[in-house]
Amino acid sequence: MAVMAMPRPDLAAHRESLRLPTTEIVSRLVEILGRKLTAYIAKVKDVRAVDRWMAGGEIYGDAEQRLRFAFQVARTLREQDTAAVVQAWMTGVNPELGDRVPLRLMREGDLHVVAPEILRAARAFLAGG
């Protein structure tokens, strides 16, 4: 009897984060996290920037990269939990991340460094670890 390996829980989210247009990424992220947290990740002070992005406005700096990654993580977690739980996970102190806050790491950290850590922590959360 053949045994099928379970796909990684974040694979579909990763693919969507790459393929969806930025307007859709921002809109879906706002659905899960809200406008304020989405603006925070993107390093903007005004949520009107988020509204402009959802309407097709240009995203500047490294905000698009951060938003796509945040969407990947949020979408992964949203598969098994409510938006409220995803928000709490993103904004809470996380023992899997050395008691750091995932949202702050996404905003302030070098994504090449912190992304693997955050993904590991999200996978551990999904696995019940």
Protein backbone atom coordinates (compact mmCIF):
# COMPACT_ATOMS: atom_id res chain seq x y z
CA MET A 1 0.00 0.00 0.00
CA ALA A 2 1.42 3.37 -1.03
CA VAL A 3 1.64 6.03 1.62
CA MET A 4 1.14 9.59 0.48
CA ALA A 5 3.17 12.23 2.24
CA MET A 6 1.20 15.09 3.69
CA PRO A 7 1.92 18.35 1.88
CA ARG A 8 3.46 21.13 3.87
CA PRO A 9 0.71 23.29 5.32
CA ASP A 10 2.15 26.49 3.91
CA LEU A 11 2.76 25.36 0.32
CA ALA A 12 -0.54 26.68 -1.08
CA ALA A 13 -0.08 29.94 0.80
CA HIS A 14 3.43 30.29 -0.60
CA ARG A 15 2.19 29.80 -4.14
CA GLU A 16 -0.61 32.33 -3.66
CA SER A 17 1.81 34.85 -2.17
CA LEU A 18 3.83 34.68 -5.38
CA ARG A 19 1.03 34.54 -7.92
CA LEU A 20 -1.62 36.93 -6.64
CA PRO A 21 -1.51 40.57 -7.71
CA THR A 22 -0.48 42.98 -4.98
CA THR A 23 -3.98 44.44 -4.76
CA GLU A 24 -5.30 40.99 -3.86
CA ILE A 25 -2.45 40.30 -1.43
CA VAL A 26 -3.18 43.51 0.45
CA SER A 27 -6.95 42.97 0.41
CA ARG A 28 -6.67 39.43 1.75
CA LEU A 29 -4.14 40.47 4.37
CA VAL A 30 -6.51 43.22 5.52
CA GLU A 31 -9.31 40.62 5.78
CA ILE A 32 -7.17 38.58 8.15
CA LEU A 33 -5.14 41.18 10.06
CA GLY A 34 -6.96 44.45 9.55
CA ARG A 35 -5.73 47.72 8.06
CA LYS A 36 -3.63 48.88 11.03
CA LEU A 37 -1.56 45.72 11.31
CA THR A 38 -1.16 45.58 7.53
CA ALA A 39 0.12 49.17 7.56
CA TYR A 40 2.46 48.33 10.45
CA ILE A 41 4.06 45.44 8.55
CA ALA A 42 4.55 47.68 5.52
CA LYS A 43 6.21 50.37 7.66
CA VAL A 44 3.63 53.05 6.88
CA LYS A 45 2.00 55.22 9.52
CA ASP A 46 -1.20 55.96 7.64
CA VAL A 47 -3.76 53.26 6.81
CA ARG A 48 -4.79 55.34 3.79
CA ALA A 49 -1.70 53.92 2.06
CA VAL A 50 -3.20 50.46 2.52
CA ASP A 51 -6.46 51.68 0.97
CA ARG A 52 -4.52 53.07 -2.01
CA TRP A 53 -2.71 49.76 -2.48
CA MET A 54 -5.99 47.85 -2.46
CA ALA A 55 -7.22 50.25 -5.15
CA GLY A 56 -4.14 49.57 -7.29
CA GLY A 57 -1.71 52.23 -6.08
CA GLU A 58 2.00 51.57 -6.25
CA ILE A 59 3.68 49.98 -3.24
CA TYR A 60 7.07 51.47 -2.51
CA GLY A 61 10.28 50.29 -0.88
CA ASP A 62 10.42 46.77 0.48
CA ALA A 63 6.78 46.89 1.60
CA GLU A 64 5.59 44.52 -1.12
CA GLN A 65 8.07 41.84 -0.08
CA ARG A 66 7.02 42.19 3.56
CA LEU A 67 3.32 42.14 2.69
CA ARG A 68 3.66 39.05 0.50
CA PHE A 69 5.51 37.22 3.25
CA ALA A 70 3.03 38.33 5.91
CA PHE A 71 0.21 37.10 3.68
CA GLN A 72 1.93 33.74 3.30
CA VAL A 73 2.17 33.33 7.07
CA ALA A 74 -1.32 34.67 7.80
CA ARG A 75 -2.90 32.56 5.06
CA THR A 76 -1.10 29.47 6.36
CA LEU A 77 -2.36 30.01 9.89
CA ARG A 78 -5.85 30.96 8.70
CA GLU A 79 -6.26 27.48 7.20
CA GLN A 80 -6.79 26.10 10.70
CA ASP A 81 -7.75 29.06 12.86
CA THR A 82 -9.87 32.19 12.96
CA ALA A 83 -8.64 35.62 11.97
CA ALA A 84 -8.63 36.56 15.67
CA VAL A 85 -6.27 33.68 16.47
CA VAL A 86 -4.01 34.63 13.55
CA GLN A 87 -3.91 38.24 14.81
CA ALA A 88 -3.06 37.04 18.31
CA TRP A 89 -0.31 34.77 16.97
CA MET A 90 1.16 37.59 14.89
CA THR A 91 1.12 40.15 17.71
CA GLY A 92 2.00 37.93 20.65
CA VAL A 93 5.32 37.02 22.21
CA ASN A 94 6.27 33.70 20.65
CA PRO A 95 8.41 31.14 22.52
CA GLU A 96 9.35 29.49 19.19
CA LEU A 97 10.95 32.82 18.20
CA GLY A 98 12.90 33.35 21.40
CA ASP A 99 10.00 35.33 22.90
CA ARG A 100 9.96 37.79 20.03
CA VAL A 101 6.83 39.06 18.25
CA PRO A 102 6.35 37.75 14.68
CA LEU A 103 4.80 41.00 13.42
CA ARG A 104 7.71 43.07 14.72
CA LEU A 105 10.21 40.69 13.13
CA MET A 106 8.38 41.02 9.81
CA ARG A 107 8.50 44.80 10.05
CA GLU A 108 11.99 45.38 11.41
CA GLY A 109 13.97 42.29 10.53
CA ASP A 110 15.88 41.29 7.45
CA LEU A 111 13.38 38.93 5.83
CA HIS A 112 16.17 36.72 4.53
CA VAL A 113 17.11 36.08 8.16
CA VAL A 114 13.77 36.10 10.00
CA ALA A 115 11.48 34.48 7.41
CA PRO A 116 12.74 30.93 7.99
CA GLU A 117 12.38 31.39 11.77
CA ILE A 118 8.84 32.72 11.44
CA LEU A 119 7.82 29.93 9.08
CA ARG A 120 9.21 27.31 11.47
CA ALA A 121 7.26 28.88 14.32
CA ALA A 122 4.05 28.93 12.24
CA ARG A 123 4.51 25.29 11.27
CA ALA A 124 5.12 24.36 14.92
CA PHE A 125 1.95 26.18 15.91
CA LEU A 126 -0.05 24.33 13.26
CA ALA A 127 1.44 21.02 14.37
CA GLY A 128 0.38 21.77 17.95
CA GLY A 129 3.92 22.23 19.16
